[in-house]
N, C-alpha and C. Protein backbone atom coordinates (compact mmCIF):
# COMPACT_ATOMS: atom_id res chain seq x y z
N MET A 1 47.36 -25.20 53.35
CA MET A 1 47.57 -24.08 54.27
C MET A 1 47.97 -22.84 53.49
N GLY A 2 48.01 -21.70 54.18
CA GLY A 2 48.34 -20.44 53.53
C GLY A 2 47.41 -19.36 54.01
N ALA A 3 47.40 -18.24 53.29
CA ALA A 3 46.61 -17.09 53.72
C ALA A 3 45.14 -17.43 53.86
N ALA A 4 44.63 -18.27 52.97
CA ALA A 4 43.21 -18.60 53.01
C ALA A 4 42.84 -19.35 54.28
N SER A 5 43.75 -20.20 54.78
CA SER A 5 43.46 -20.98 55.97
C SER A 5 43.91 -20.29 57.25
N GLY A 6 44.72 -19.23 57.10
CA GLY A 6 45.21 -18.52 58.28
C GLY A 6 46.43 -19.16 58.90
N THR A 7 47.01 -20.17 58.27
CA THR A 7 48.22 -20.79 58.79
C THR A 7 49.17 -21.12 57.64
N TYR A 8 50.44 -21.21 57.95
CA TYR A 8 51.41 -21.76 57.00
C TYR A 8 52.61 -22.26 57.79
N GLU A 9 53.46 -23.04 57.11
CA GLU A 9 54.61 -23.64 57.79
C GLU A 9 55.92 -23.04 57.30
N THR A 10 56.87 -22.91 58.21
CA THR A 10 58.23 -22.56 57.89
C THR A 10 59.14 -23.48 58.69
N ILE A 11 60.40 -23.10 58.88
CA ILE A 11 61.31 -23.91 59.67
C ILE A 11 61.88 -23.07 60.81
N ALA A 12 62.44 -23.78 61.80
CA ALA A 12 62.91 -23.07 62.99
C ALA A 12 64.24 -22.37 62.77
N GLY A 13 65.12 -22.99 61.99
CA GLY A 13 66.44 -22.39 61.82
C GLY A 13 67.23 -23.06 60.72
N ARG A 14 68.48 -22.69 60.61
CA ARG A 14 69.34 -23.14 59.52
C ARG A 14 69.82 -24.58 59.74
N VAL A 15 69.81 -25.36 58.67
CA VAL A 15 70.36 -26.71 58.70
C VAL A 15 71.16 -26.95 57.43
N GLU A 16 72.03 -27.95 57.47
CA GLU A 16 72.85 -28.29 56.31
C GLU A 16 72.90 -29.80 56.17
N THR A 17 72.69 -30.30 54.96
CA THR A 17 72.77 -31.74 54.69
C THR A 17 73.60 -31.96 53.44
N GLU A 18 74.03 -33.20 53.24
CA GLU A 18 74.85 -33.50 52.07
C GLU A 18 74.44 -34.82 51.44
N LEU A 19 74.37 -34.83 50.11
CA LEU A 19 74.14 -36.05 49.33
C LEU A 19 75.28 -36.21 48.34
N GLU A 20 75.58 -37.47 48.00
CA GLU A 20 76.54 -37.73 46.94
C GLU A 20 75.84 -38.51 45.83
N VAL A 21 75.94 -37.99 44.62
CA VAL A 21 75.32 -38.62 43.45
C VAL A 21 76.38 -38.73 42.36
N GLU A 22 76.75 -39.95 42.00
CA GLU A 22 77.75 -40.16 40.95
C GLU A 22 79.00 -39.30 41.18
N ARG A 23 79.47 -39.33 42.42
CA ARG A 23 80.69 -38.64 42.85
C ARG A 23 80.56 -37.12 42.93
N SER A 24 79.41 -36.56 42.54
CA SER A 24 79.16 -35.14 42.78
C SER A 24 78.59 -34.97 44.18
N ARG A 25 79.07 -33.95 44.87
CA ARG A 25 78.55 -33.65 46.22
C ARG A 25 77.53 -32.53 46.12
N PHE A 26 76.38 -32.75 46.72
CA PHE A 26 75.31 -31.75 46.76
C PHE A 26 75.08 -31.39 48.23
N ILE A 27 75.48 -30.19 48.60
CA ILE A 27 75.35 -29.73 49.98
C ILE A 27 74.20 -28.73 50.03
N CYS A 28 73.16 -29.08 50.77
CA CYS A 28 71.98 -28.21 50.87
C CYS A 28 72.03 -27.41 52.16
N THR A 29 71.98 -26.10 52.03
CA THR A 29 71.81 -25.21 53.18
C THR A 29 70.40 -24.64 53.09
N ILE A 30 69.63 -24.84 54.14
CA ILE A 30 68.26 -24.33 54.14
C ILE A 30 68.08 -23.50 55.41
N ALA A 31 67.44 -22.33 55.27
CA ALA A 31 67.33 -21.42 56.40
C ALA A 31 66.02 -20.66 56.34
N ARG A 32 65.64 -20.15 57.47
CA ARG A 32 64.43 -19.34 57.57
C ARG A 32 64.77 -17.88 57.28
N VAL A 33 63.97 -17.24 56.45
CA VAL A 33 64.16 -15.83 56.12
C VAL A 33 62.79 -15.15 56.05
N ALA A 34 62.77 -13.85 56.31
CA ALA A 34 61.52 -13.11 56.28
C ALA A 34 61.40 -12.18 55.08
N THR A 35 62.53 -11.90 54.41
CA THR A 35 62.52 -10.95 53.30
C THR A 35 63.40 -11.46 52.16
N GLU A 36 63.20 -10.88 50.98
CA GLU A 36 64.04 -11.24 49.84
C GLU A 36 65.49 -10.83 50.09
N ASP A 37 65.71 -9.69 50.71
CA ASP A 37 67.08 -9.26 51.01
C ASP A 37 67.79 -10.28 51.89
N ALA A 38 67.08 -10.79 52.90
CA ALA A 38 67.68 -11.78 53.79
C ALA A 38 68.00 -13.06 53.04
N ALA A 39 67.12 -13.45 52.12
CA ALA A 39 67.37 -14.65 51.32
C ALA A 39 68.63 -14.47 50.46
N ARG A 40 68.74 -13.32 49.83
CA ARG A 40 69.89 -13.08 48.96
C ARG A 40 71.19 -12.96 49.77
N GLU A 41 71.10 -12.44 50.97
CA GLU A 41 72.28 -12.38 51.83
C GLU A 41 72.75 -13.78 52.21
N LEU A 42 71.80 -14.66 52.48
CA LEU A 42 72.15 -16.04 52.82
C LEU A 42 72.81 -16.73 51.63
N ILE A 43 72.23 -16.54 50.45
CA ILE A 43 72.81 -17.13 49.24
C ILE A 43 74.23 -16.64 49.03
N ALA A 44 74.45 -15.33 49.20
CA ALA A 44 75.79 -14.76 49.03
C ALA A 44 76.77 -15.29 50.06
N SER A 45 76.31 -15.49 51.28
CA SER A 45 77.21 -15.98 52.33
C SER A 45 77.62 -17.42 52.07
N VAL A 46 76.69 -18.24 51.57
CA VAL A 46 77.02 -19.63 51.24
C VAL A 46 78.02 -19.66 50.08
N ARG A 47 77.80 -18.83 49.09
CA ARG A 47 78.72 -18.75 47.95
C ARG A 47 80.13 -18.33 48.41
N ALA A 48 80.19 -17.34 49.27
CA ALA A 48 81.48 -16.84 49.74
C ALA A 48 82.22 -17.88 50.57
N ALA A 49 81.47 -18.73 51.27
CA ALA A 49 82.09 -19.73 52.14
C ALA A 49 82.62 -20.93 51.37
N ALA A 50 82.19 -21.11 50.12
CA ALA A 50 82.61 -22.27 49.32
C ALA A 50 82.97 -21.82 47.91
N PRO A 51 84.03 -21.02 47.76
CA PRO A 51 84.34 -20.44 46.45
C PRO A 51 84.79 -21.46 45.41
N LYS A 52 85.22 -22.65 45.83
CA LYS A 52 85.71 -23.65 44.88
C LYS A 52 84.60 -24.54 44.33
N ALA A 53 83.39 -24.40 44.83
CA ALA A 53 82.28 -25.21 44.33
C ALA A 53 81.92 -24.78 42.91
N ARG A 54 81.41 -25.74 42.12
CA ARG A 54 81.05 -25.45 40.73
C ARG A 54 79.78 -24.60 40.65
N HIS A 55 78.78 -24.91 41.47
CA HIS A 55 77.50 -24.22 41.40
C HIS A 55 76.96 -23.95 42.80
N HIS A 56 76.19 -22.87 42.91
CA HIS A 56 75.43 -22.55 44.12
C HIS A 56 74.01 -22.22 43.67
N CYS A 57 73.22 -23.24 43.44
CA CYS A 57 71.86 -23.04 42.94
C CYS A 57 70.94 -22.71 44.11
N SER A 58 69.88 -21.96 43.84
CA SER A 58 69.08 -21.46 44.96
C SER A 58 67.60 -21.34 44.60
N ALA A 59 66.80 -21.31 45.66
CA ALA A 59 65.37 -21.07 45.53
C ALA A 59 64.86 -20.55 46.86
N PHE A 60 63.88 -19.66 46.81
CA PHE A 60 63.25 -19.23 48.06
C PHE A 60 61.79 -18.89 47.84
N ARG A 61 61.02 -19.05 48.92
CA ARG A 61 59.60 -18.69 48.96
C ARG A 61 59.37 -17.85 50.21
N ILE A 62 58.66 -16.74 50.06
CA ILE A 62 58.41 -15.83 51.18
C ILE A 62 56.96 -15.40 51.16
N GLY A 63 56.36 -15.35 52.36
CA GLY A 63 54.97 -14.92 52.48
C GLY A 63 54.05 -16.07 52.82
N PRO A 64 52.88 -15.79 53.39
CA PRO A 64 51.96 -16.85 53.80
C PRO A 64 51.59 -17.83 52.69
N ASP A 65 51.51 -17.36 51.47
CA ASP A 65 51.21 -18.23 50.34
C ASP A 65 52.43 -18.46 49.45
N GLY A 66 53.61 -18.09 49.95
CA GLY A 66 54.80 -18.21 49.12
C GLY A 66 54.71 -17.33 47.89
N GLU A 67 54.04 -16.18 48.04
CA GLU A 67 53.75 -15.34 46.88
C GLU A 67 55.01 -14.74 46.25
N LEU A 68 56.06 -14.58 47.05
CA LEU A 68 57.35 -14.16 46.50
C LEU A 68 58.20 -15.41 46.32
N ALA A 69 58.46 -15.78 45.08
CA ALA A 69 59.20 -17.01 44.80
C ALA A 69 60.24 -16.74 43.72
N ARG A 70 61.46 -17.18 43.98
CA ARG A 70 62.55 -16.98 43.02
C ARG A 70 63.43 -18.23 43.00
N SER A 71 64.09 -18.45 41.85
CA SER A 71 65.02 -19.57 41.75
C SER A 71 66.14 -19.20 40.78
N ASN A 72 67.27 -19.89 40.92
CA ASN A 72 68.44 -19.59 40.09
C ASN A 72 69.21 -20.88 39.83
N ASP A 73 69.49 -21.16 38.55
CA ASP A 73 70.23 -22.37 38.17
C ASP A 73 71.74 -22.22 38.33
N ASP A 74 72.24 -21.01 38.45
CA ASP A 74 73.65 -20.72 38.65
C ASP A 74 74.56 -21.56 37.75
N GLY A 75 74.27 -21.55 36.46
CA GLY A 75 75.16 -22.19 35.51
C GLY A 75 74.80 -23.61 35.14
N GLU A 76 73.91 -24.24 35.89
CA GLU A 76 73.41 -25.56 35.48
C GLU A 76 72.48 -25.36 34.28
N PRO A 77 72.24 -26.41 33.48
CA PRO A 77 71.31 -26.27 32.36
C PRO A 77 69.96 -25.73 32.83
N SER A 78 69.39 -24.84 32.03
CA SER A 78 68.16 -24.16 32.42
C SER A 78 67.07 -25.13 32.85
N GLY A 79 66.51 -24.85 34.01
CA GLY A 79 65.39 -25.65 34.50
C GLY A 79 65.76 -26.92 35.22
N THR A 80 67.07 -27.19 35.40
CA THR A 80 67.46 -28.45 36.03
C THR A 80 67.77 -28.33 37.52
N ALA A 81 67.84 -27.11 38.04
CA ALA A 81 68.27 -26.94 39.43
C ALA A 81 67.32 -26.04 40.23
N GLY A 82 67.35 -24.74 39.92
CA GLY A 82 66.56 -23.79 40.70
C GLY A 82 65.08 -24.10 40.74
N GLN A 83 64.49 -24.38 39.57
CA GLN A 83 63.05 -24.65 39.53
C GLN A 83 62.69 -25.94 40.26
N PRO A 84 63.42 -27.04 40.06
CA PRO A 84 63.12 -28.23 40.87
C PRO A 84 63.28 -27.98 42.37
N MET A 85 64.25 -27.16 42.77
CA MET A 85 64.40 -26.82 44.17
C MET A 85 63.19 -26.06 44.68
N LEU A 86 62.73 -25.10 43.88
CA LEU A 86 61.55 -24.33 44.26
C LEU A 86 60.32 -25.22 44.37
N GLU A 87 60.17 -26.14 43.42
CA GLU A 87 59.04 -27.06 43.47
C GLU A 87 59.12 -27.97 44.69
N ALA A 88 60.33 -28.32 45.09
CA ALA A 88 60.49 -29.14 46.29
C ALA A 88 60.03 -28.38 47.53
N LEU A 89 60.40 -27.10 47.63
CA LEU A 89 59.94 -26.29 48.76
C LEU A 89 58.42 -26.16 48.74
N ARG A 90 57.86 -25.94 47.55
CA ARG A 90 56.42 -25.82 47.41
C ARG A 90 55.73 -27.13 47.78
N GLY A 91 56.30 -28.22 47.31
CA GLY A 91 55.72 -29.53 47.60
C GLY A 91 55.75 -29.86 49.08
N GLU A 92 56.74 -29.34 49.80
CA GLU A 92 56.83 -29.55 51.25
C GLU A 92 55.93 -28.59 52.02
N GLY A 93 55.33 -27.63 51.31
CA GLY A 93 54.42 -26.69 51.96
C GLY A 93 55.11 -25.66 52.83
N LEU A 94 56.35 -25.30 52.48
CA LEU A 94 57.11 -24.37 53.30
C LEU A 94 57.22 -22.99 52.66
N SER A 95 57.22 -21.97 53.50
CA SER A 95 57.47 -20.61 53.05
C SER A 95 58.35 -19.91 54.07
N ASP A 96 58.73 -18.67 53.77
CA ASP A 96 59.72 -17.94 54.57
C ASP A 96 60.99 -18.80 54.71
N VAL A 97 61.42 -19.35 53.58
CA VAL A 97 62.56 -20.27 53.61
C VAL A 97 63.37 -20.11 52.33
N VAL A 98 64.70 -20.26 52.46
CA VAL A 98 65.60 -20.23 51.32
C VAL A 98 66.43 -21.50 51.33
N ALA A 99 66.67 -22.06 50.16
CA ALA A 99 67.52 -23.23 50.03
C ALA A 99 68.64 -22.92 49.03
N VAL A 100 69.84 -23.29 49.39
CA VAL A 100 71.00 -23.16 48.50
C VAL A 100 71.63 -24.54 48.40
N VAL A 101 71.79 -25.03 47.18
CA VAL A 101 72.48 -26.30 46.98
C VAL A 101 73.82 -26.03 46.32
N THR A 102 74.88 -26.32 47.05
CA THR A 102 76.24 -26.15 46.58
C THR A 102 76.70 -27.47 45.97
N ARG A 103 77.13 -27.43 44.70
CA ARG A 103 77.54 -28.66 44.03
C ARG A 103 79.04 -28.65 43.71
N TYR A 104 79.68 -29.71 44.15
CA TYR A 104 81.06 -29.99 43.74
C TYR A 104 81.01 -31.09 42.70
N PHE A 105 81.39 -30.76 41.49
CA PHE A 105 81.26 -31.68 40.36
C PHE A 105 82.20 -32.88 40.53
N GLY A 106 81.65 -34.08 40.31
CA GLY A 106 82.42 -35.30 40.51
C GLY A 106 82.97 -35.92 39.25
N GLY A 107 82.77 -35.28 38.10
CA GLY A 107 83.33 -35.78 36.87
C GLY A 107 82.39 -36.60 36.01
N VAL A 108 81.20 -36.91 36.54
CA VAL A 108 80.22 -37.71 35.80
C VAL A 108 79.03 -36.81 35.44
N LEU A 109 78.70 -36.73 34.16
CA LEU A 109 77.55 -35.94 33.74
C LEU A 109 76.27 -36.68 34.13
N LEU A 110 75.35 -35.96 34.76
CA LEU A 110 74.12 -36.59 35.26
C LEU A 110 72.96 -36.49 34.28
N GLY A 111 73.05 -35.63 33.28
CA GLY A 111 71.94 -35.46 32.36
C GLY A 111 70.84 -34.63 33.00
N THR A 112 69.93 -34.18 32.16
CA THR A 112 68.86 -33.30 32.64
C THR A 112 68.04 -33.94 33.75
N GLY A 113 67.57 -35.14 33.51
CA GLY A 113 66.75 -35.82 34.52
C GLY A 113 67.52 -36.10 35.79
N GLY A 114 68.78 -36.49 35.65
CA GLY A 114 69.57 -36.77 36.83
C GLY A 114 69.82 -35.54 37.67
N LEU A 115 70.06 -34.41 37.02
CA LEU A 115 70.25 -33.17 37.76
C LEU A 115 68.98 -32.76 38.49
N MET A 116 67.85 -32.85 37.82
CA MET A 116 66.59 -32.47 38.46
C MET A 116 66.33 -33.34 39.68
N ARG A 117 66.57 -34.63 39.56
CA ARG A 117 66.34 -35.54 40.69
C ARG A 117 67.31 -35.24 41.83
N ALA A 118 68.57 -34.95 41.48
CA ALA A 118 69.57 -34.69 42.52
C ALA A 118 69.27 -33.41 43.29
N TYR A 119 68.92 -32.35 42.58
CA TYR A 119 68.62 -31.08 43.27
C TYR A 119 67.33 -31.18 44.08
N THR A 120 66.36 -31.90 43.56
CA THR A 120 65.13 -32.11 44.32
C THR A 120 65.41 -32.89 45.60
N ALA A 121 66.15 -33.98 45.46
CA ALA A 121 66.47 -34.82 46.63
C ALA A 121 67.29 -34.06 47.65
N SER A 122 68.18 -33.19 47.19
CA SER A 122 69.01 -32.43 48.10
C SER A 122 68.16 -31.51 48.98
N VAL A 123 67.22 -30.81 48.35
CA VAL A 123 66.34 -29.93 49.13
C VAL A 123 65.46 -30.75 50.07
N GLN A 124 64.94 -31.87 49.59
CA GLN A 124 64.10 -32.70 50.45
C GLN A 124 64.87 -33.22 51.66
N SER A 125 66.16 -33.51 51.48
CA SER A 125 66.96 -33.96 52.62
C SER A 125 67.15 -32.83 53.62
N GLY A 126 67.33 -31.60 53.12
CA GLY A 126 67.44 -30.46 54.02
C GLY A 126 66.17 -30.22 54.81
N VAL A 127 65.04 -30.30 54.12
CA VAL A 127 63.75 -30.11 54.78
C VAL A 127 63.53 -31.18 55.85
N ALA A 128 63.91 -32.42 55.52
CA ALA A 128 63.70 -33.51 56.47
C ALA A 128 64.51 -33.31 57.75
N ALA A 129 65.65 -32.63 57.63
CA ALA A 129 66.49 -32.39 58.80
C ALA A 129 66.07 -31.17 59.61
N ALA A 130 65.20 -30.35 59.04
CA ALA A 130 64.78 -29.11 59.71
C ALA A 130 63.60 -29.36 60.64
N THR A 131 63.47 -28.47 61.61
CA THR A 131 62.31 -28.49 62.50
C THR A 131 61.24 -27.58 61.93
N ARG A 132 60.06 -28.12 61.71
CA ARG A 132 58.97 -27.32 61.14
C ARG A 132 58.32 -26.45 62.22
N VAL A 133 57.88 -25.28 61.79
CA VAL A 133 57.19 -24.34 62.69
C VAL A 133 55.89 -23.91 62.01
N LEU A 134 54.78 -24.01 62.73
CA LEU A 134 53.50 -23.55 62.21
C LEU A 134 53.29 -22.10 62.61
N ARG A 135 52.89 -21.28 61.64
CA ARG A 135 52.59 -19.87 61.92
C ARG A 135 51.10 -19.65 61.69
N SER A 136 50.47 -18.90 62.56
CA SER A 136 49.03 -18.67 62.50
C SER A 136 48.71 -17.19 62.48
N LEU A 137 47.63 -16.85 61.77
CA LEU A 137 47.18 -15.46 61.68
C LEU A 137 46.56 -15.03 63.00
N ARG A 138 46.97 -13.89 63.48
CA ARG A 138 46.46 -13.33 64.73
C ARG A 138 46.07 -11.87 64.53
N THR A 139 45.13 -11.42 65.33
CA THR A 139 44.76 -10.01 65.36
C THR A 139 45.62 -9.29 66.40
N THR A 140 46.20 -8.18 66.02
CA THR A 140 47.03 -7.42 66.95
C THR A 140 46.16 -6.45 67.74
N VAL A 141 46.18 -6.61 69.05
CA VAL A 141 45.46 -5.70 69.95
C VAL A 141 46.50 -4.82 70.64
N GLU A 142 46.34 -3.52 70.47
CA GLU A 142 47.30 -2.55 71.01
C GLU A 142 46.74 -1.99 72.32
N ILE A 143 47.58 -2.05 73.34
CA ILE A 143 47.19 -1.59 74.68
C ILE A 143 48.13 -0.47 75.11
N HIS A 144 47.58 0.63 75.58
CA HIS A 144 48.38 1.74 76.12
C HIS A 144 48.07 1.88 77.61
N ALA A 145 49.11 1.72 78.43
CA ALA A 145 48.92 1.80 79.88
C ALA A 145 49.96 2.75 80.47
N ASP A 146 49.60 3.39 81.58
CA ASP A 146 50.59 4.23 82.25
C ASP A 146 51.60 3.34 82.97
N TYR A 147 52.67 3.95 83.45
CA TYR A 147 53.74 3.16 84.04
C TYR A 147 53.38 2.61 85.42
N GLU A 148 52.29 3.07 85.98
CA GLU A 148 51.83 2.51 87.25
C GLU A 148 51.18 1.15 87.01
N ARG A 149 50.42 1.04 85.93
CA ARG A 149 49.68 -0.20 85.65
C ARG A 149 50.41 -1.12 84.66
N GLY A 150 51.22 -0.54 83.76
CA GLY A 150 51.78 -1.30 82.66
C GLY A 150 52.56 -2.55 83.04
N PRO A 151 53.56 -2.45 83.93
CA PRO A 151 54.36 -3.63 84.26
C PRO A 151 53.52 -4.78 84.84
N ALA A 152 52.59 -4.45 85.73
CA ALA A 152 51.74 -5.49 86.31
C ALA A 152 50.84 -6.10 85.25
N LEU A 153 50.35 -5.27 84.33
CA LEU A 153 49.50 -5.77 83.26
C LEU A 153 50.29 -6.71 82.34
N GLU A 154 51.53 -6.32 82.04
CA GLU A 154 52.36 -7.20 81.21
C GLU A 154 52.57 -8.55 81.88
N ALA A 155 52.86 -8.54 83.17
CA ALA A 155 53.05 -9.80 83.90
C ALA A 155 51.78 -10.65 83.88
N GLU A 156 50.63 -10.00 84.02
CA GLU A 156 49.36 -10.74 84.02
C GLU A 156 49.08 -11.32 82.63
N LEU A 157 49.40 -10.56 81.58
CA LEU A 157 49.21 -11.07 80.22
C LEU A 157 50.05 -12.32 79.99
N ARG A 158 51.27 -12.30 80.49
CA ARG A 158 52.13 -13.48 80.33
C ARG A 158 51.55 -14.65 81.11
N ARG A 159 51.04 -14.40 82.28
CA ARG A 159 50.45 -15.47 83.09
C ARG A 159 49.22 -16.07 82.41
N LEU A 160 48.48 -15.24 81.69
CA LEU A 160 47.27 -15.69 81.02
C LEU A 160 47.56 -16.37 79.68
N GLY A 161 48.83 -16.41 79.28
CA GLY A 161 49.17 -17.04 78.00
C GLY A 161 49.08 -16.11 76.82
N HIS A 162 49.10 -14.80 77.08
CA HIS A 162 49.08 -13.79 76.01
C HIS A 162 50.31 -12.88 76.12
N PRO A 163 51.52 -13.42 75.99
CA PRO A 163 52.70 -12.56 76.11
C PRO A 163 52.74 -11.54 74.98
N PRO A 164 53.04 -10.29 75.29
CA PRO A 164 53.11 -9.27 74.23
C PRO A 164 54.14 -9.64 73.17
N VAL A 165 53.79 -9.37 71.92
CA VAL A 165 54.75 -9.59 70.84
C VAL A 165 55.64 -8.36 70.65
N ARG A 166 55.24 -7.26 71.28
CA ARG A 166 56.02 -6.03 71.19
C ARG A 166 55.71 -5.16 72.40
N VAL A 167 56.74 -4.57 72.99
CA VAL A 167 56.57 -3.63 74.10
C VAL A 167 57.37 -2.38 73.77
N GLU A 168 56.72 -1.22 73.85
CA GLU A 168 57.40 0.04 73.59
C GLU A 168 57.22 0.97 74.79
N TYR A 169 58.27 1.72 75.08
CA TYR A 169 58.25 2.64 76.21
C TYR A 169 58.37 4.07 75.68
N GLY A 170 57.37 4.86 75.91
CA GLY A 170 57.36 6.25 75.49
C GLY A 170 56.67 7.07 76.55
N ALA A 171 55.74 7.93 76.13
CA ALA A 171 54.96 8.70 77.10
C ALA A 171 54.16 7.76 77.99
N ASP A 172 53.77 6.61 77.39
CA ASP A 172 53.14 5.55 78.16
C ASP A 172 53.78 4.23 77.75
N MET A 173 53.22 3.14 78.25
CA MET A 173 53.73 1.82 77.94
C MET A 173 52.78 1.17 76.95
N ARG A 174 53.31 0.81 75.76
CA ARG A 174 52.48 0.20 74.72
C ARG A 174 52.78 -1.29 74.65
N LEU A 175 51.72 -2.08 74.71
CA LEU A 175 51.82 -3.53 74.64
C LEU A 175 51.01 -4.01 73.44
N ASP A 176 51.67 -4.69 72.51
CA ASP A 176 50.96 -5.30 71.38
C ASP A 176 50.81 -6.79 71.66
N VAL A 177 49.59 -7.26 71.59
CA VAL A 177 49.30 -8.67 71.89
C VAL A 177 48.63 -9.30 70.67
N ALA A 178 49.12 -10.47 70.28
CA ALA A 178 48.56 -11.19 69.14
C ALA A 178 47.51 -12.18 69.65
N VAL A 179 46.27 -11.98 69.22
CA VAL A 179 45.14 -12.74 69.75
C VAL A 179 44.42 -13.46 68.61
N PRO A 180 44.01 -14.71 68.81
CA PRO A 180 43.19 -15.37 67.78
C PRO A 180 41.97 -14.50 67.46
N PRO A 181 41.65 -14.33 66.17
CA PRO A 181 40.57 -13.41 65.80
C PRO A 181 39.26 -13.63 66.55
N GLU A 182 38.92 -14.89 66.79
CA GLU A 182 37.64 -15.17 67.44
C GLU A 182 37.65 -14.85 68.93
N GLN A 183 38.83 -14.52 69.49
CA GLN A 183 38.94 -14.23 70.92
C GLN A 183 39.12 -12.75 71.22
N VAL A 184 39.09 -11.91 70.19
CA VAL A 184 39.42 -10.50 70.39
C VAL A 184 38.44 -9.82 71.35
N ALA A 185 37.16 -10.02 71.13
CA ALA A 185 36.16 -9.36 71.99
C ALA A 185 36.32 -9.78 73.44
N ALA A 186 36.51 -11.06 73.67
CA ALA A 186 36.67 -11.56 75.03
C ALA A 186 37.96 -11.03 75.65
N PHE A 187 39.01 -10.93 74.83
CA PHE A 187 40.28 -10.42 75.34
C PHE A 187 40.15 -8.96 75.74
N GLN A 188 39.51 -8.16 74.89
CA GLN A 188 39.34 -6.75 75.23
C GLN A 188 38.50 -6.58 76.50
N ALA A 189 37.49 -7.42 76.65
CA ALA A 189 36.67 -7.37 77.87
C ALA A 189 37.50 -7.73 79.10
N ARG A 190 38.40 -8.69 78.93
CA ARG A 190 39.26 -9.10 80.05
C ARG A 190 40.21 -7.98 80.46
N ILE A 191 40.74 -7.26 79.48
CA ILE A 191 41.62 -6.13 79.80
C ILE A 191 40.84 -5.04 80.53
N ALA A 192 39.63 -4.78 80.07
CA ALA A 192 38.79 -3.79 80.74
C ALA A 192 38.51 -4.19 82.19
N GLU A 193 38.29 -5.49 82.39
CA GLU A 193 38.03 -6.00 83.75
C GLU A 193 39.28 -5.85 84.63
N LEU A 194 40.44 -6.18 84.06
CA LEU A 194 41.68 -6.13 84.84
C LEU A 194 42.07 -4.71 85.21
N THR A 195 41.67 -3.74 84.41
CA THR A 195 42.13 -2.36 84.61
C THR A 195 40.99 -1.41 84.97
N ALA A 196 39.86 -1.96 85.36
CA ALA A 196 38.69 -1.15 85.73
C ALA A 196 38.28 -0.20 84.60
N GLY A 197 38.56 -0.63 83.37
CA GLY A 197 38.12 0.12 82.21
C GLY A 197 38.91 1.36 81.87
N VAL A 198 40.04 1.56 82.57
CA VAL A 198 40.78 2.81 82.33
C VAL A 198 41.89 2.66 81.29
N VAL A 199 42.20 1.42 80.88
CA VAL A 199 43.25 1.20 79.89
C VAL A 199 42.61 0.88 78.54
N PRO A 200 42.82 1.72 77.53
CA PRO A 200 42.17 1.50 76.24
C PRO A 200 42.86 0.39 75.43
N THR A 201 42.08 -0.27 74.60
CA THR A 201 42.62 -1.26 73.66
C THR A 201 42.11 -0.92 72.26
N ASP A 202 42.97 -1.17 71.27
CA ASP A 202 42.60 -0.91 69.89
C ASP A 202 43.05 -2.08 69.03
N VAL A 203 42.20 -2.44 68.07
CA VAL A 203 42.60 -3.44 67.08
C VAL A 203 43.50 -2.76 66.06
N ALA A 204 44.71 -3.31 65.88
CA ALA A 204 45.71 -2.63 65.06
C ALA A 204 46.20 -3.54 63.92
N GLY A 205 45.31 -4.23 63.28
CA GLY A 205 45.69 -5.05 62.14
C GLY A 205 45.91 -6.49 62.47
N THR A 206 46.59 -7.20 61.58
CA THR A 206 46.83 -8.63 61.79
C THR A 206 48.31 -8.94 61.56
N THR A 207 48.74 -10.05 62.08
CA THR A 207 50.12 -10.51 61.92
C THR A 207 50.15 -12.02 62.04
N TYR A 208 51.21 -12.62 61.53
CA TYR A 208 51.42 -14.06 61.73
C TYR A 208 52.43 -14.26 62.84
N VAL A 209 52.18 -15.24 63.70
CA VAL A 209 53.09 -15.54 64.80
C VAL A 209 53.36 -17.04 64.82
N ASP A 210 54.51 -17.41 65.37
CA ASP A 210 54.84 -18.82 65.54
C ASP A 210 53.95 -19.43 66.61
N ASP A 211 53.39 -20.58 66.31
CA ASP A 211 52.64 -21.30 67.32
C ASP A 211 53.63 -21.89 68.33
N PRO A 212 53.20 -22.05 69.59
CA PRO A 212 54.09 -22.66 70.58
C PRO A 212 54.48 -24.07 70.14
N ALA A 213 55.72 -24.44 70.43
CA ALA A 213 56.20 -25.77 70.05
C ALA A 213 55.45 -26.85 70.84
């Protein structure tokens, strides 16, 4: 999945799981984010909430193909934490997601291989506890209607299974509707039919939207 297929997976919301390995505690916080700033804010908030932990290692992937990817070992030996966490997210096929693994050291050295396995398993446990969400590429159709027709048109769109993804109120009422690309022509024809051709529609780019659960 990804940009080439027009779909990708993320998660519904924040979850937290915990593993114990050789008396070290690995607490994984995994959350959905849309931007790098949001990912870094989440990492900072987890760090602030657990100041006594030895490490707060992190990884995130953002974008339909996970094109923005970052990881941080936060003091663990290079390559033993952040990168395995990132590979775990990639292996699970998830994007728009950040994972932070908070480690409380238990007194037993795990070695390079042990650390990599522990951080990988921690992220995998977080993913397993999360609810997956499929996102699909849609064409945005922009509709401008006057206030006499707009509210009724919005209600009809919702009834037809095309709820607007955005509604703006200005000189007129603007409704943005996300439509499967292959249905755009039929959708525009339906709007023309519903409004006797007096309400214009314009194709205004593409966006990804969550598929219904």
